[in-house]
Amino acid sequence: MTKLGLRRFAVLPESETTMDQDTATVTDDLMEDDIETIGDYHRMAAHHFAAASKHHLAAAQADDDGNEEAITRHALLAYRHQLNGVQCAEIANMESDSLEDEFDAPLAHEEV
C-alpha cells in the first residue's frame, strides 16, 4: 500500500492530561509517522474523539466540584482532541477513492 500524505497532529504530551493510561495506547501504537492507511486515520480519529469525550466528562465533574481551573483545562483539552479527530476524519475521507461525486464536472480533455 502506498504511504498517504502525512500531516502533523498536535498530540498532547502525557504530562498535560490525567487520563494518560487510557489514551496513551493508541497514540503509542500509531505515532504520527506510522500512519499509512485510511484505517489508521480512522483509528486516530476515534482515539481523539474518545479522549475528547473523557475530557468533557472530567470537565462536567470539575464543574460539579466547583473546580474552575480543572473545568478550563479539561474543556481546552477536549476541544483540542475534537479538532484533531476532525482533522484525521477529514484526511481519511479525502484519501478515500471509493466515493465519487456524481456532480463533478468532466475535465476539458474528457468526453462528456
Protein backbone atom coordinates (compact mmCIF):
# COMPACT_ATOMS: atom_id res chain seq x y z
CA MET A 1 0.00 0.00 0.00
CA THR A 2 1.24 3.48 -0.74
CA LYS A 3 2.01 5.85 2.06
CA LEU A 4 -0.61 8.56 2.41
CA GLY A 5 0.28 12.21 2.74
CA LEU A 6 1.36 12.73 6.34
CA ARG A 7 0.29 15.70 8.36
CA ARG A 8 1.38 16.63 11.85
CA PHE A 9 -1.14 16.29 14.65
CA ALA A 10 -0.98 18.17 17.91
CA VAL A 11 -0.70 15.06 20.08
CA LEU A 12 -0.69 16.15 23.69
CA PRO A 13 2.28 15.31 25.88
CA GLU A 14 1.43 12.85 28.61
CA SER A 15 2.06 15.42 31.34
CA GLU A 16 -0.87 17.58 30.14
CA THR A 17 -3.60 15.11 30.94
CA THR A 18 -4.62 12.98 33.87
CA MET A 19 -6.02 10.31 31.55
CA ASP A 20 -2.67 9.15 30.20
CA GLN A 21 -3.19 5.43 30.70
CA ASP A 22 -6.49 5.44 28.82
CA THR A 23 -5.30 7.46 25.83
CA ALA A 24 -1.63 6.51 25.53
CA THR A 25 -2.19 3.05 24.00
CA VAL A 26 -3.50 4.22 20.63
CA THR A 27 -1.03 7.09 20.47
CA ASP A 28 1.86 4.73 21.22
CA ASP A 29 0.63 2.20 18.64
CA LEU A 30 0.10 4.81 15.92
CA MET A 31 2.67 7.54 16.08
CA GLU A 32 2.37 10.32 13.53
CA ASP A 33 5.00 8.88 11.21
CA ASP A 34 3.36 5.42 11.29
CA ILE A 35 0.04 6.49 9.79
CA GLU A 36 -0.02 4.78 6.41
CA THR A 37 -3.57 3.67 5.68
CA ILE A 38 -7.02 5.17 5.68
CA GLY A 39 -7.85 2.79 8.54
CA ASP A 40 -5.02 4.31 10.58
CA TYR A 41 -6.57 7.76 10.13
CA HIS A 42 -9.95 6.40 11.22
CA ARG A 43 -8.35 4.82 14.31
CA MET A 44 -6.63 8.08 15.24
CA ALA A 45 -9.90 9.99 14.71
CA ALA A 46 -11.69 7.54 17.01
CA HIS A 47 -8.91 7.88 19.60
CA HIS A 48 -9.18 11.67 19.61
CA PHE A 49 -12.99 11.66 19.79
CA ALA A 50 -12.89 9.19 22.70
CA ALA A 51 -10.31 11.34 24.50
CA ALA A 52 -12.46 14.45 23.89
CA SER A 53 -15.44 12.65 25.42
CA LYS A 54 -13.44 11.72 28.52
CA HIS A 55 -12.26 15.30 28.95
CA HIS A 56 -15.82 16.62 28.61
CA LEU A 57 -16.92 14.21 31.35
CA ALA A 58 -13.98 15.34 33.50
CA ALA A 59 -14.94 18.99 32.88
CA ALA A 60 -18.51 18.21 33.94
CA GLN A 61 -17.28 16.57 37.14
CA ALA A 62 -14.98 19.53 37.81
CA ASP A 63 -17.97 21.83 37.38
CA ASP A 64 -19.93 19.78 39.89
CA ASP A 65 -16.98 20.09 42.27
CA GLY A 66 -16.61 23.84 41.65
CA ASN A 67 -13.05 23.50 40.36
CA GLU A 68 -12.78 26.32 37.79
CA GLU A 69 -9.17 25.56 36.85
CA ALA A 70 -9.96 21.91 36.05
CA ILE A 71 -13.06 22.92 34.06
CA THR A 72 -10.99 25.21 31.87
CA ARG A 73 -8.16 22.71 31.42
CA HIS A 74 -10.42 19.77 30.53
CA ALA A 75 -12.59 21.88 28.23
CA LEU A 76 -9.49 23.05 26.34
CA LEU A 77 -8.10 19.52 26.08
CA ALA A 78 -11.49 18.23 24.88
CA TYR A 79 -11.58 20.92 22.21
CA ARG A 80 -8.03 20.14 21.04
CA HIS A 81 -8.84 16.42 20.77
CA GLN A 82 -12.03 17.23 18.87
CA LEU A 83 -10.07 19.32 16.35
CA ASN A 84 -7.50 16.56 15.91
CA GLY A 85 -10.27 13.98 15.48
CA VAL A 86 -11.98 16.05 12.81
CA GLN A 87 -8.65 16.53 11.03
CA CYS A 88 -7.98 12.78 10.98
CA ALA A 89 -11.51 12.03 9.81
CA GLU A 90 -11.23 14.61 7.03
CA ILE A 91 -7.92 13.16 5.85
CA ALA A 92 -9.44 9.66 5.80
CA ASN A 93 -12.35 10.96 3.77
CA MET A 94 -10.16 12.89 1.31
CA GLU A 95 -7.84 9.91 0.78
CA SER A 96 -10.75 7.55 0.11
CA ASP A 97 -11.29 6.88 -3.59
CA SER A 98 -14.47 4.90 -3.01
CA LEU A 99 -16.77 7.93 -3.01
CA GLU A 100 -17.23 9.50 -6.40
CA ASP A 101 -19.05 12.81 -6.70
CA GLU A 102 -21.65 12.37 -9.41
CA PHE A 103 -21.80 16.13 -9.90
CA ASP A 104 -18.09 16.59 -10.65
CA ALA A 105 -17.70 18.39 -13.95
CA PRO A 106 -15.73 16.41 -16.56
CA LEU A 107 -12.24 17.69 -17.26
CA ALA A 108 -11.65 19.55 -20.54
CA HIS A 109 -9.84 16.56 -22.10
CA GLU A 110 -12.61 14.06 -21.12
CA GLU A 111 -15.56 13.26 -23.33
CA VAL A 112 -18.99 14.09 -21.99
